[in-house]
Amino acid sequence: ARELSQAIRGPAGTNALVALEVDGGAPVLAVLRDLHRHPIKGSFIH
């Protein structure tokens, strides 16, 4: 959760391109979609 928060804190926000490494594998170029937060706490849900 902290790494995700840091990733979208820059000027691009949720438009930031992510080089996603799954279990240490080759990075996959991805974009964020359908980012859900808790309505009160603001924490990430999915």
PDB file of all heavy atoms in Angstrom:
ATOM      1  N   ALA A   1       0.819  -1.215   0.000  1.00  0.00           N
ATOM      2  CA  ALA A   1       0.000   0.000   0.000  1.00  0.00           C
ATOM      3  C   ALA A   1       0.853   1.265   0.000  1.00  0.00           C
ATOM      4  O   ALA A   1       0.535   2.251  -0.677  1.00  0.00           O
ATOM      5  CB  ALA A   1      -0.937  -0.006   1.200  1.00  0.00           C
ATOM      6  N   ARG A   2       1.955   1.264   0.744  1.00  0.00           N
ATOM      7  CA  ARG A   2       2.809   2.446   0.799  1.00  0.00           C
ATOM      8  C   ARG A   2       3.504   2.685  -0.534  1.00  0.00           C
ATOM      9  O   ARG A   2       3.621   3.830  -0.990  1.00  0.00           O
ATOM     10  CB  ARG A   2       3.840   2.299   1.920  1.00  0.00           C
ATOM     11  CG  ARG A   2       3.255   2.364   3.317  1.00  0.00           C
ATOM     12  CD  ARG A   2       4.346   2.307   4.375  1.00  0.00           C
ATOM     13  NE  ARG A   2       3.791   2.387   5.727  1.00  0.00           N
ATOM     14  CZ  ARG A   2       4.515   2.357   6.821  1.00  0.00           C
ATOM     15  NH1 ARG A   2       5.841   2.242   6.749  1.00  0.00           N
ATOM     16  NH2 ARG A   2       3.933   2.437   8.018  1.00  0.00           N
ATOM     17  N   GLU A   3       3.961   1.618  -1.172  1.00  0.00           N
ATOM     18  CA  GLU A   3       4.613   1.766  -2.467  1.00  0.00           C
ATOM     19  C   GLU A   3       3.623   2.269  -3.517  1.00  0.00           C
ATOM     20  O   GLU A   3       3.982   3.087  -4.373  1.00  0.00           O
ATOM     21  CB  GLU A   3       5.223   0.434  -2.902  1.00  0.00           C
ATOM     22  CG  GLU A   3       6.410  -0.014  -2.057  1.00  0.00           C
ATOM     23  CD  GLU A   3       7.021  -1.308  -2.547  1.00  0.00           C
ATOM     24  OE1 GLU A   3       6.545  -1.827  -3.594  1.00  0.00           O
ATOM     25  OE2 GLU A   3       7.950  -1.811  -1.897  1.00  0.00           O
ATOM     26  N   LEU A   4       2.385   1.794  -3.457  1.00  0.00           N
ATOM     27  CA  LEU A   4       1.360   2.258  -4.387  1.00  0.00           C
ATOM     28  C   LEU A   4       1.086   3.735  -4.177  1.00  0.00           C
ATOM     29  O   LEU A   4       0.985   4.511  -5.144  1.00  0.00           O
ATOM     30  CB  LEU A   4       0.082   1.447  -4.205  1.00  0.00           C
ATOM     31  CG  LEU A   4      -1.125   1.890  -5.033  1.00  0.00           C
ATOM     32  CD1 LEU A   4      -0.825   1.810  -6.517  1.00  0.00           C
ATOM     33  CD2 LEU A   4      -2.353   1.045  -4.683  1.00  0.00           C
ATOM     34  N   SER A   5       0.963   4.138  -2.914  1.00  0.00           N
ATOM     35  CA  SER A   5       0.723   5.542  -2.609  1.00  0.00           C
ATOM     36  C   SER A   5       1.846   6.421  -3.146  1.00  0.00           C
ATOM     37  O   SER A   5       1.609   7.492  -3.720  1.00  0.00           O
ATOM     38  CB  SER A   5       0.580   5.731  -1.095  1.00  0.00           C
ATOM     39  OG  SER A   5       0.356   7.082  -0.768  1.00  0.00           O
ATOM     40  N   GLN A   6       3.080   5.958  -2.999  1.00  0.00           N
ATOM     41  CA  GLN A   6       4.227   6.711  -3.487  1.00  0.00           C
ATOM     42  C   GLN A   6       4.215   6.791  -5.015  1.00  0.00           C
ATOM     43  O   GLN A   6       4.560   7.816  -5.607  1.00  0.00           O
ATOM     44  CB  GLN A   6       5.530   6.049  -3.015  1.00  0.00           C
ATOM     45  CG  GLN A   6       6.799   6.807  -3.351  1.00  0.00           C
ATOM     46  CD  GLN A   6       6.879   8.142  -2.639  1.00  0.00           C
ATOM     47  OE1 GLN A   6       6.421   8.277  -1.512  1.00  0.00           O
ATOM     48  NE2 GLN A   6       7.459   9.136  -3.313  1.00  0.00           N
ATOM     49  N   ALA A   7       3.785   5.715  -5.666  1.00  0.00           N
ATOM     50  CA  ALA A   7       3.790   5.653  -7.126  1.00  0.00           C
ATOM     51  C   ALA A   7       2.846   6.670  -7.751  1.00  0.00           C
ATOM     52  O   ALA A   7       3.118   7.201  -8.839  1.00  0.00           O
ATOM     53  CB  ALA A   7       3.419   4.250  -7.587  1.00  0.00           C
ATOM     54  N   ILE A   8       1.725   6.961  -7.091  1.00  0.00           N
ATOM     55  CA  ILE A   8       0.737   7.880  -7.674  1.00  0.00           C
ATOM     56  C   ILE A   8       0.821   9.273  -7.060  1.00  0.00           C
ATOM     57  O   ILE A   8      -0.059  10.096  -7.271  1.00  0.00           O
ATOM     58  CB  ILE A   8      -0.692   7.323  -7.521  1.00  0.00           C
ATOM     59  CG1 ILE A   8      -1.075   7.201  -6.046  1.00  0.00           C
ATOM     60  CG2 ILE A   8      -0.815   5.987  -8.218  1.00  0.00           C
ATOM     61  CD1 ILE A   8      -2.520   6.775  -5.832  1.00  0.00           C
ATOM     62  N   ARG A   9       1.884   9.535  -6.302  1.00  0.00           N
ATOM     63  CA  ARG A   9       2.018  10.830  -5.650  1.00  0.00           C
ATOM     64  C   ARG A   9       2.675  11.863  -6.554  1.00  0.00           C
ATOM     65  O   ARG A   9       2.670  13.053  -6.255  1.00  0.00           O
ATOM     66  CB  ARG A   9       2.820  10.665  -4.361  1.00  0.00           C
ATOM     67  CG  ARG A   9       2.739  11.854  -3.413  1.00  0.00           C
ATOM     68  CD  ARG A   9       3.381  11.531  -2.080  1.00  0.00           C
ATOM     69  NE  ARG A   9       2.619  10.522  -1.364  1.00  0.00           N
ATOM     70  CZ  ARG A   9       3.058   9.869  -0.294  1.00  0.00           C
ATOM     71  NH1 ARG A   9       4.280  10.092   0.161  1.00  0.00           N
ATOM     72  NH2 ARG A   9       2.283   8.989   0.306  1.00  0.00           N
ATOM     73  N   GLY A  10       3.264  11.441  -7.653  1.00  0.00           N
ATOM     74  CA  GLY A  10       3.956  12.358  -8.547  1.00  0.00           C
ATOM     75  C   GLY A  10       3.000  13.179  -9.382  1.00  0.00           C
ATOM     76  O   GLY A  10       1.772  13.082  -9.247  1.00  0.00           O
ATOM     77  N   PRO A  11       3.538  14.004 -10.291  1.00  0.00           N
ATOM     78  CA  PRO A  11       2.700  14.890 -11.112  1.00  0.00           C
ATOM     79  C   PRO A  11       1.724  14.150 -12.022  1.00  0.00           C
ATOM     80  O   PRO A  11       0.682  14.684 -12.374  1.00  0.00           O
ATOM     81  CB  PRO A  11       3.727  15.688 -11.933  1.00  0.00           C
ATOM     82  CG  PRO A  11       4.988  14.889 -11.876  1.00  0.00           C
ATOM     83  CD  PRO A  11       4.973  14.199 -10.556  1.00  0.00           C
ATOM     84  N   ALA A  12       2.057  12.902 -12.394  1.00  0.00           N
ATOM     85  CA  ALA A  12       1.158  12.142 -13.272  1.00  0.00           C
ATOM     86  C   ALA A  12      -0.028  11.573 -12.512  1.00  0.00           C
ATOM     87  O   ALA A  12      -1.041  11.210 -13.114  1.00  0.00           O
ATOM     88  CB  ALA A  12       1.921  11.006 -13.958  1.00  0.00           C
ATOM     89  N   GLY A  13       0.070  11.482 -11.193  1.00  0.00           N
ATOM     90  CA  GLY A  13      -1.021  10.935 -10.393  1.00  0.00           C
ATOM     91  C   GLY A  13      -1.362   9.511 -10.805  1.00  0.00           C
ATOM     92  O   GLY A  13      -0.475   8.690 -11.017  1.00  0.00           O
ATOM     93  N   THR A  14      -2.639   9.236 -10.960  1.00  0.00           N
ATOM     94  CA  THR A  14      -3.060   7.890 -11.338  1.00  0.00           C
ATOM     95  C   THR A  14      -2.814   7.591 -12.813  1.00  0.00           C
ATOM     96  O   THR A  14      -3.097   6.485 -13.275  1.00  0.00           O
ATOM     97  CB  THR A  14      -4.552   7.671 -11.006  1.00  0.00           C
ATOM     98  OG1 THR A  14      -5.326   8.688 -11.632  1.00  0.00           O
ATOM     99  CG2 THR A  14      -4.784   7.707  -9.503  1.00  0.00           C
ATOM    100  N   ASN A  15      -2.304   8.576 -13.575  1.00  0.00           N
ATOM    101  CA  ASN A  15      -1.927   8.327 -14.968  1.00  0.00           C
ATOM    102  C   ASN A  15      -0.493   7.816 -15.087  1.00  0.00           C
ATOM    103  O   ASN A  15      -0.003   7.600 -16.200  1.00  0.00           O
ATOM    104  CB  ASN A  15      -2.060   9.608 -15.805  1.00  0.00           C
ATOM    105  CG  ASN A  15      -3.509   9.903 -16.169  1.00  0.00           C
ATOM    106  OD1 ASN A  15      -4.364   9.020 -16.109  1.00  0.00           O
ATOM    107  ND2 ASN A  15      -3.784  11.142 -16.540  1.00  0.00           N
ATOM    108  N   ALA A  16       0.178   7.648 -13.963  1.00  0.00           N
ATOM    109  CA  ALA A  16       1.559   7.167 -14.006  1.00  0.00           C
ATOM    110  C   ALA A  16       1.613   5.789 -14.654  1.00  0.00           C
ATOM    111  O   ALA A  16       0.775   4.924 -14.398  1.00  0.00           O
ATOM    112  CB  ALA A  16       2.136   7.101 -12.592  1.00  0.00           C
ATOM    113  N   LEU A  17       2.621   5.592 -15.515  1.00  0.00           N
ATOM    114  CA  LEU A  17       2.844   4.279 -16.104  1.00  0.00           C
ATOM    115  C   LEU A  17       3.609   3.425 -15.103  1.00  0.00           C
ATOM    116  O   LEU A  17       4.564   3.891 -14.491  1.00  0.00           O
ATOM    117  CB  LEU A  17       3.638   4.404 -17.402  1.00  0.00           C
ATOM    118  CG  LEU A  17       2.875   4.964 -18.601  1.00  0.00           C
ATOM    119  CD1 LEU A  17       3.829   5.178 -19.763  1.00  0.00           C
ATOM    120  CD2 LEU A  17       1.760   4.021 -19.003  1.00  0.00           C
ATOM    121  N   VAL A  18       3.192   2.196 -14.967  1.00  0.00           N
ATOM    122  CA  VAL A  18       3.794   1.305 -13.978  1.00  0.00           C
ATOM    123  C   VAL A  18       4.559   0.188 -14.672  1.00  0.00           C
ATOM    124  O   VAL A  18       4.019  -0.479 -15.564  1.00  0.00           O
ATOM    125  CB  VAL A  18       2.713   0.708 -13.056  1.00  0.00           C
ATOM    126  CG1 VAL A  18       3.335  -0.287 -12.082  1.00  0.00           C
ATOM    127  CG2 VAL A  18       1.988   1.813 -12.303  1.00  0.00           C
ATOM    128  N   ALA A  19       5.811   0.021 -14.280  1.00  0.00           N
ATOM    129  CA  ALA A  19       6.572  -1.160 -14.679  1.00  0.00           C
ATOM    130  C   ALA A  19       6.384  -2.172 -13.559  1.00  0.00           C
ATOM    131  O   ALA A  19       7.054  -2.114 -12.529  1.00  0.00           O
ATOM    132  CB  ALA A  19       8.040  -0.803 -14.873  1.00  0.00           C
ATOM    133  N   LEU A  20       5.428  -3.071 -13.738  1.00  0.00           N
ATOM    134  CA  LEU A  20       5.004  -3.976 -12.683  1.00  0.00           C
ATOM    135  C   LEU A  20       5.794  -5.284 -12.754  1.00  0.00           C
ATOM    136  O   LEU A  20       5.771  -5.982 -13.775  1.00  0.00           O
ATOM    137  CB  LEU A  20       3.514  -4.257 -12.804  1.00  0.00           C
ATOM    138  CG  LEU A  20       2.869  -5.023 -11.650  1.00  0.00           C
ATOM    139  CD1 LEU A  20       2.848  -4.169 -10.386  1.00  0.00           C
ATOM    140  CD2 LEU A  20       1.448  -5.453 -12.023  1.00  0.00           C
ATOM    141  N   GLU A  21       6.480  -5.610 -11.673  1.00  0.00           N
ATOM    142  CA  GLU A  21       7.248  -6.852 -11.586  1.00  0.00           C
ATOM    143  C   GLU A  21       6.505  -7.826 -10.669  1.00  0.00           C
ATOM    144  O   GLU A  21       6.374  -7.574  -9.471  1.00  0.00           O
ATOM    145  CB  GLU A  21       8.644  -6.579 -11.047  1.00  0.00           C
ATOM    146  CG  GLU A  21       9.456  -5.632 -11.913  1.00  0.00           C
ATOM    147  CD  GLU A  21      10.810  -5.322 -11.309  1.00  0.00           C
ATOM    148  OE1 GLU A  21      11.086  -5.800 -10.193  1.00  0.00           O
ATOM    149  OE2 GLU A  21      11.584  -4.578 -11.945  1.00  0.00           O
ATOM    150  N   VAL A  22       6.026  -8.913 -11.242  1.00  0.00           N
ATOM    151  CA  VAL A  22       5.284  -9.915 -10.469  1.00  0.00           C
ATOM    152  C   VAL A  22       6.243 -11.015 -10.023  1.00  0.00           C
ATOM    153  O   VAL A  22       6.853 -11.691 -10.866  1.00  0.00           O
ATOM    154  CB  VAL A  22       4.132 -10.514 -11.295  1.00  0.00           C
ATOM    155  CG1 VAL A  22       3.372 -11.547 -10.466  1.00  0.00           C
ATOM    156  CG2 VAL A  22       3.188  -9.409 -11.758  1.00  0.00           C
ATOM    157  N   ASP A  23       6.386 -11.160  -8.734  1.00  0.00           N
ATOM    158  CA  ASP A  23       7.284 -12.168  -8.158  1.00  0.00           C
ATOM    159  C   ASP A  23       8.693 -12.077  -8.733  1.00  0.00           C
ATOM    160  O   ASP A  23       9.346 -13.098  -9.002  1.00  0.00           O
ATOM    161  CB  ASP A  23       6.719 -13.582  -8.381  1.00  0.00           C
ATOM    162  CG  ASP A  23       5.449 -13.836  -7.574  1.00  0.00           C
ATOM    163  OD1 ASP A  23       5.241 -13.125  -6.568  1.00  0.00           O
ATOM    164  OD2 ASP A  23       4.676 -14.734  -7.947  1.00  0.00           O
ATOM    165  N   GLY A  24       9.164 -10.839  -8.965  1.00  0.00           N
ATOM    166  CA  GLY A  24      10.522 -10.643  -9.442  1.00  0.00           C
ATOM    167  C   GLY A  24      10.717 -10.911 -10.920  1.00  0.00           C
ATOM    168  O   GLY A  24      11.867 -10.913 -11.407  1.00  0.00           O
ATOM    169  N   GLY A  25       9.647 -11.114 -11.671  1.00  0.00           N
ATOM    170  CA  GLY A  25       9.752 -11.396 -13.098  1.00  0.00           C
ATOM    171  C   GLY A  25      10.014 -10.144 -13.921  1.00  0.00           C
ATOM    172  O   GLY A  25      10.230  -9.048 -13.388  1.00  0.00           O
ATOM    173  N   ALA A  26      10.002 -10.313 -15.246  1.00  0.00           N
ATOM    174  CA  ALA A  26      10.232  -9.192 -16.161  1.00  0.00           C
ATOM    175  C   ALA A  26       9.128  -8.151 -15.984  1.00  0.00           C
ATOM    176  O   ALA A  26       7.956  -8.498 -15.822  1.00  0.00           O
ATOM    177  CB  ALA A  26      10.258  -9.691 -17.600  1.00  0.00           C
ATOM    178  N   PRO A  27       9.492  -6.874 -15.985  1.00  0.00           N
ATOM    179  CA  PRO A  27       8.476  -5.829 -15.781  1.00  0.00           C
ATOM    180  C   PRO A  27       7.455  -5.779 -16.912  1.00  0.00           C
ATOM    181  O   PRO A  27       7.800  -5.970 -18.084  1.00  0.00           O
ATOM    182  CB  PRO A  27       9.301  -4.543 -15.708  1.00  0.00           C
ATOM    183  CG  PRO A  27      10.593  -4.854 -16.373  1.00  0.00           C
ATOM    184  CD  PRO A  27      10.847  -6.304 -16.135  1.00  0.00           C
ATOM    185  N   VAL A  28       6.213  -5.549 -16.528  1.00  0.00           N
ATOM    186  CA  VAL A  28       5.107  -5.410 -17.472  1.00  0.00           C
ATOM    187  C   VAL A  28       4.655  -3.961 -17.469  1.00  0.00           C
ATOM    188  O   VAL A  28       4.383  -3.394 -16.399  1.00  0.00           O
ATOM    189  CB  VAL A  28       3.928  -6.332 -17.075  1.00  0.00           C
ATOM    190  CG1 VAL A  28       2.730  -6.089 -17.988  1.00  0.00           C
ATOM    191  CG2 VAL A  28       4.348  -7.784 -17.098  1.00  0.00           C
ATOM    192  N   LEU A  29       4.598  -3.326 -18.650  1.00  0.00           N
ATOM    193  CA  LEU A  29       4.138  -1.950 -18.737  1.00  0.00           C
ATOM    194  C   LEU A  29       2.629  -1.922 -18.563  1.00  0.00           C
ATOM    195  O   LEU A  29       1.894  -2.560 -19.323  1.00  0.00           O
ATOM    196  CB  LEU A  29       4.522  -1.341 -20.088  1.00  0.00           C
ATOM    197  CG  LEU A  29       4.225   0.145 -20.280  1.00  0.00           C
ATOM    198  CD1 LEU A  29       5.057   0.992 -19.312  1.00  0.00           C
ATOM    199  CD2 LEU A  29       4.498   0.579 -21.716  1.00  0.00           C
ATOM    200  N   ALA A  30       2.158  -1.214 -17.537  1.00  0.00           N
ATOM    201  CA  ALA A  30       0.728  -1.228 -17.221  1.00  0.00           C
ATOM    202  C   ALA A  30       0.252   0.154 -16.790  1.00  0.00           C
ATOM    203  O   ALA A  30       1.046   1.007 -16.365  1.00  0.00           O
ATOM    204  CB  ALA A  30       0.443  -2.244 -16.116  1.00  0.00           C
ATOM    205  N   VAL A  31      -1.056   0.353 -16.914  1.00  0.00           N
ATOM    206  CA  VAL A  31      -1.698   1.564 -16.415  1.00  0.00           C
ATOM    207  C   VAL A  31      -2.668   1.169 -15.313  1.00  0.00           C
ATOM    208  O   VAL A  31      -3.150   0.031 -15.262  1.00  0.00           O
ATOM    209  CB  VAL A  31      -2.444   2.331 -17.529  1.00  0.00           C
ATOM    210  CG1 VAL A  31      -1.455   2.876 -18.549  1.00  0.00           C
ATOM    211  CG2 VAL A  31      -3.472   1.437 -18.215  1.00  0.00           C
ATOM    212  N   LEU A  32      -2.964   2.116 -14.425  1.00  0.00           N
ATOM    213  CA  LEU A  32      -3.879   1.865 -13.313  1.00  0.00           C
ATOM    214  C   LEU A  32      -5.306   2.152 -13.747  1.00  0.00           C
ATOM    215  O   LEU A  32      -5.572   3.160 -14.398  1.00  0.00           O
ATOM    216  CB  LEU A  32      -3.525   2.747 -12.121  1.00  0.00           C
ATOM    217  CG  LEU A  32      -2.368   2.328 -11.210  1.00  0.00           C
ATOM    218  CD1 LEU A  32      -1.050   2.344 -11.966  1.00  0.00           C
ATOM    219  CD2 LEU A  32      -2.291   3.234  -9.998  1.00  0.00           C
ATOM    220  N   ARG A  33      -6.206   1.278 -13.349  1.00  0.00           N
ATOM    221  CA  ARG A  33      -7.626   1.458 -13.632  1.00  0.00           C
ATOM    222  C   ARG A  33      -8.439   1.025 -12.407  1.00  0.00           C
ATOM    223  O   ARG A  33      -8.028   0.161 -11.649  1.00  0.00           O
ATOM    224  CB  ARG A  33      -8.053   0.642 -14.855  1.00  0.00           C
ATOM    225  CG  ARG A  33      -7.465   1.121 -16.179  1.00  0.00           C
ATOM    226  CD  ARG A  33      -8.075   2.451 -16.602  1.00  0.00           C
ATOM    227  NE  ARG A  33      -7.629   2.874 -17.922  1.00  0.00           N
ATOM    228  CZ  ARG A  33      -6.598   3.674 -18.138  1.00  0.00           C
ATOM    229  NH1 ARG A  33      -5.886   4.112 -17.097  1.00  0.00           N
ATOM    230  NH2 ARG A  33      -6.262   4.033 -19.357  1.00  0.00           N
ATOM    231  N   ASP A  34      -9.616   1.637 -12.272  1.00  0.00           N
ATOM    232  CA  ASP A  34     -10.576   1.246 -11.226  1.00  0.00           C
ATOM    233  C   ASP A  34      -9.934   1.184  -9.846  1.00  0.00           C
ATOM    234  O   ASP A  34     -10.022   0.168  -9.142  1.00  0.00           O
ATOM    235  CB  ASP A  34     -11.209  -0.104 -11.560  1.00  0.00           C
ATOM    236  CG  ASP A  34     -12.049  -0.052 -12.821  1.00  0.00           C
ATOM    237  OD1 ASP A  34     -12.624   1.013 -13.096  1.00  0.00           O
ATOM    238  OD2 ASP A  34     -12.111  -1.072 -13.544  1.00  0.00           O
ATOM    239  N   LEU A  35      -9.277   2.264  -9.474  1.00  0.00           N
ATOM    240  CA  LEU A  35      -8.663   2.350  -8.151  1.00  0.00           C
ATOM    241  C   LEU A  35      -9.736   2.714  -7.132  1.00  0.00           C
ATOM    242  O   LEU A  35     -10.312   3.795  -7.170  1.00  0.00           O
ATOM    243  CB  LEU A  35      -7.557   3.410  -8.157  1.00  0.00           C
ATOM    244  CG  LEU A  35      -6.822   3.674  -6.847  1.00  0.00           C
ATOM    245  CD1 LEU A  35      -6.150   2.409  -6.339  1.00  0.00           C
ATOM    246  CD2 LEU A  35      -5.790   4.786  -7.028  1.00  0.00           C
ATOM    247  N   HIS A  36     -10.017   1.784  -6.211  1.00  0.00           N
ATOM    248  CA  HIS A  36     -11.067   1.983  -5.210  1.00  0.00           C
ATOM    249  C   HIS A  36     -10.443   2.284  -3.852  1.00  0.00           C
ATOM    250  O   HIS A  36      -9.494   1.630  -3.430  1.00  0.00           O
ATOM    251  CB  HIS A  36     -11.954   0.740  -5.102  1.00  0.00           C
ATOM    252  CG  HIS A  36     -12.711   0.425  -6.349  1.00  0.00           C
ATOM    253  ND1 HIS A  36     -13.862   1.093  -6.724  1.00  0.00           N
ATOM    254  CD2 HIS A  36     -12.473  -0.472  -7.339  1.00  0.00           C
ATOM    255  CE1 HIS A  36     -14.308   0.616  -7.866  1.00  0.00           C
ATOM    256  NE2 HIS A  36     -13.476  -0.334  -8.267  1.00  0.00           N
ATOM    257  N   ARG A  37     -11.014   3.273  -3.165  1.00  0.00           N
ATOM    258  CA  ARG A  37     -10.573   3.641  -1.822  1.00  0.00           C
ATOM    259  C   ARG A  37     -11.728   3.488  -0.831  1.00  0.00           C
ATOM    260  O   ARG A  37     -12.903   3.569  -1.215  1.00  0.00           O
ATOM    261  CB  ARG A  37     -10.076   5.090  -1.787  1.00  0.00           C
ATOM    262  CG  ARG A  37      -8.796   5.357  -2.558  1.00  0.00           C
ATOM    263  CD  ARG A  37      -8.477   6.834  -2.482  1.00  0.00           C
ATOM    264  NE  ARG A  37      -7.275   7.226  -3.198  1.00  0.00           N
ATOM    265  CZ  ARG A  37      -6.071   7.336  -2.647  1.00  0.00           C
ATOM    266  NH1 ARG A  37      -5.923   7.079  -1.358  1.00  0.00           N
ATOM    267  NH2 ARG A  37      -5.027   7.705  -3.366  1.00  0.00           N
ATOM    268  N   HIS A  38     -11.368   3.327   0.417  1.00  0.00           N
ATOM    269  CA  HIS A  38     -12.372   3.294   1.478  1.00  0.00           C
ATOM    270  C   HIS A  38     -13.013   4.679   1.572  1.00  0.00           C
ATOM    271  O   HIS A  38     -12.309   5.694   1.601  1.00  0.00           O
ATOM    272  CB  HIS A  38     -11.719   2.918   2.811  1.00  0.00           C
ATOM    273  CG  HIS A  38     -12.701   2.611   3.895  1.00  0.00           C
ATOM    274  ND1 HIS A  38     -13.381   3.596   4.583  1.00  0.00           N
ATOM    275  CD2 HIS A  38     -13.129   1.424   4.410  1.00  0.00           C
ATOM    276  CE1 HIS A  38     -14.167   3.032   5.478  1.00  0.00           C
ATOM    277  NE2 HIS A  38     -14.033   1.722   5.392  1.00  0.00           N
ATOM    278  N   PRO A  39     -14.353   4.755   1.605  1.00  0.00           N
ATOM    279  CA  PRO A  39     -15.022   6.066   1.569  1.00  0.00           C
ATOM    280  C   PRO A  39     -14.716   6.964   2.760  1.00  0.00           C
ATOM    281  O   PRO A  39     -14.839   8.184   2.658  1.00  0.00           O
ATOM    282  CB  PRO A  39     -16.510   5.700   1.524  1.00  0.00           C
ATOM    283  CG  PRO A  39     -16.584   4.311   2.078  1.00  0.00           C
ATOM    284  CD  PRO A  39     -15.309   3.639   1.661  1.00  0.00           C
ATOM    285  N   ILE A  40     -14.314   6.398   3.885  1.00  0.00           N
ATOM    286  CA  ILE A  40     -14.025   7.202   5.075  1.00  0.00           C
ATOM    287  C   ILE A  40     -12.526   7.258   5.363  1.00  0.00           C
ATOM    288  O   ILE A  40     -11.950   8.331   5.513  1.00  0.00           O
ATOM    289  CB  ILE A  40     -14.777   6.642   6.306  1.00  0.00           C
ATOM    290  CG1 ILE A  40     -16.289   6.715   6.077  1.00  0.00           C
ATOM    291  CG2 ILE A  40     -14.388   7.412   7.573  1.00  0.00           C
ATOM    292  CD1 ILE A  40     -17.110   6.074   7.176  1.00  0.00           C
ATOM    293  N   LYS A  41     -11.894   6.110   5.394  1.00  0.00           N
ATOM    294  CA  LYS A  41     -10.472   6.054   5.734  1.00  0.00           C
ATOM    295  C   LYS A  41      -9.577   6.534   4.596  1.00  0.00           C
ATOM    296  O   LYS A  41      -8.469   7.011   4.829  1.00  0.00           O
ATOM    297  CB  LYS A  41     -10.079   4.627   6.116  1.00  0.00           C
ATOM    298  CG  LYS A  41     -10.808   4.079   7.336  1.00  0.00           C
ATOM    299  CD  LYS A  41     -10.399   2.632   7.595  1.00  0.00           C
ATOM    300  CE  LYS A  41     -11.126   2.051   8.783  1.00  0.00           C
ATOM    301  NZ  LYS A  41     -10.763   0.625   9.011  1.00  0.00           N
ATOM    302  N   GLY A  42     -10.044   6.387   3.355  1.00  0.00           N
ATOM    303  CA  GLY A  42      -9.224   6.764   2.209  1.00  0.00           C
ATOM    304  C   GLY A  42      -8.195   5.714   1.835  1.00  0.00           C
ATOM    305  O   GLY A  42      -7.425   5.907   0.896  1.00  0.00           O
ATOM    306  N   SER A  43      -8.169   4.596   2.547  1.00  0.00           N
ATOM    307  CA  SER A  43      -7.198   3.540   2.258  1.00  0.00           C
ATOM    308  C   SER A  43      -7.586   2.813   0.973  1.00  0.00           C
ATOM    309  O   SER A  43      -8.747   2.800   0.558  1.00  0.00           O
ATOM    310  CB  SER A  43      -7.132   2.554   3.427  1.00  0.00           C
ATOM    311  OG  SER A  43      -8.418   2.049   3.734  1.00  0.00           O
ATOM    312  N   PHE A  44      -6.595   2.200   0.331  1.00  0.00           N
ATOM    313  CA  PHE A  44      -6.839   1.481  -0.908  1.00  0.00           C
ATOM    314  C   PHE A  44      -7.587   0.176  -0.638  1.00  0.00           C
ATOM    315  O   PHE A  44      -7.274  -0.554   0.305  1.00  0.00           O
ATOM    316  CB  PHE A  44      -5.518   1.165  -1.614  1.00  0.00           C
ATOM    317  CG  PHE A  44      -4.703   2.374  -1.956  1.00  0.00           C
ATOM    318  CD1 PHE A  44      -3.483   2.597  -1.340  1.00  0.00           C
ATOM    319  CD2 PHE A  44      -5.154   3.293  -2.891  1.00  0.00           C
ATOM    320  CE1 PHE A  44      -2.725   3.710  -1.653  1.00  0.00           C
ATOM    321  CE2 PHE A  44      -4.404   4.414  -3.208  1.00  0.00           C
ATOM    322  CZ  PHE A  44      -3.184   4.621  -2.582  1.00  0.00           C
ATOM    323  N   ILE A  45      -8.560  -0.120  -1.488  1.00  0.00           N
ATOM    324  CA  ILE A  45      -9.337  -1.349  -1.357  1.00  0.00           C
ATOM    325  C   ILE A  45      -8.973  -2.339  -2.464  1.00  0.00           C
ATOM    326  O   ILE A  45      -8.734  -3.514  -2.222  1.00  0.00           O
ATOM    327  CB  ILE A  45     -10.845  -1.053  -1.397  1.00  0.00           C
ATOM    328  CG1 ILE A  45     -11.244  -0.213  -0.170  1.00  0.00           C
ATOM    329  CG2 ILE A  45     -11.657  -2.348  -1.443  1.00  0.00           C
ATOM    330  CD1 ILE A  45     -12.696   0.192  -0.163  1.00  0.00           C
ATOM    331  N   HIS A  46      -8.921  -1.860  -3.692  1.00  0.00           N
ATOM    332  CA  HIS A  46      -8.634  -2.734  -4.834  1.00  0.00           C
ATOM    333  C   HIS A  46      -8.299  -1.871  -6.042  1.00  0.00           C
ATOM    334  O   HIS A  46      -8.701  -0.712  -6.119  1.00  0.00           O
ATOM    335  CB  HIS A  46      -9.846  -3.625  -5.147  1.00  0.00           C
ATOM    336  CG  HIS A  46      -9.567  -4.692  -6.158  1.00  0.00           C
ATOM    337  ND1 HIS A  46      -9.650  -4.472  -7.518  1.00  0.00           N
ATOM    338  CD2 HIS A  46      -9.196  -5.984  -6.012  1.00  0.00           C
ATOM    339  CE1 HIS A  46      -9.339  -5.584  -8.159  1.00  0.00           C
ATOM    340  NE2 HIS A  46      -9.063  -6.525  -7.268  1.00  0.00           N
TER     341      HIS A  46
END
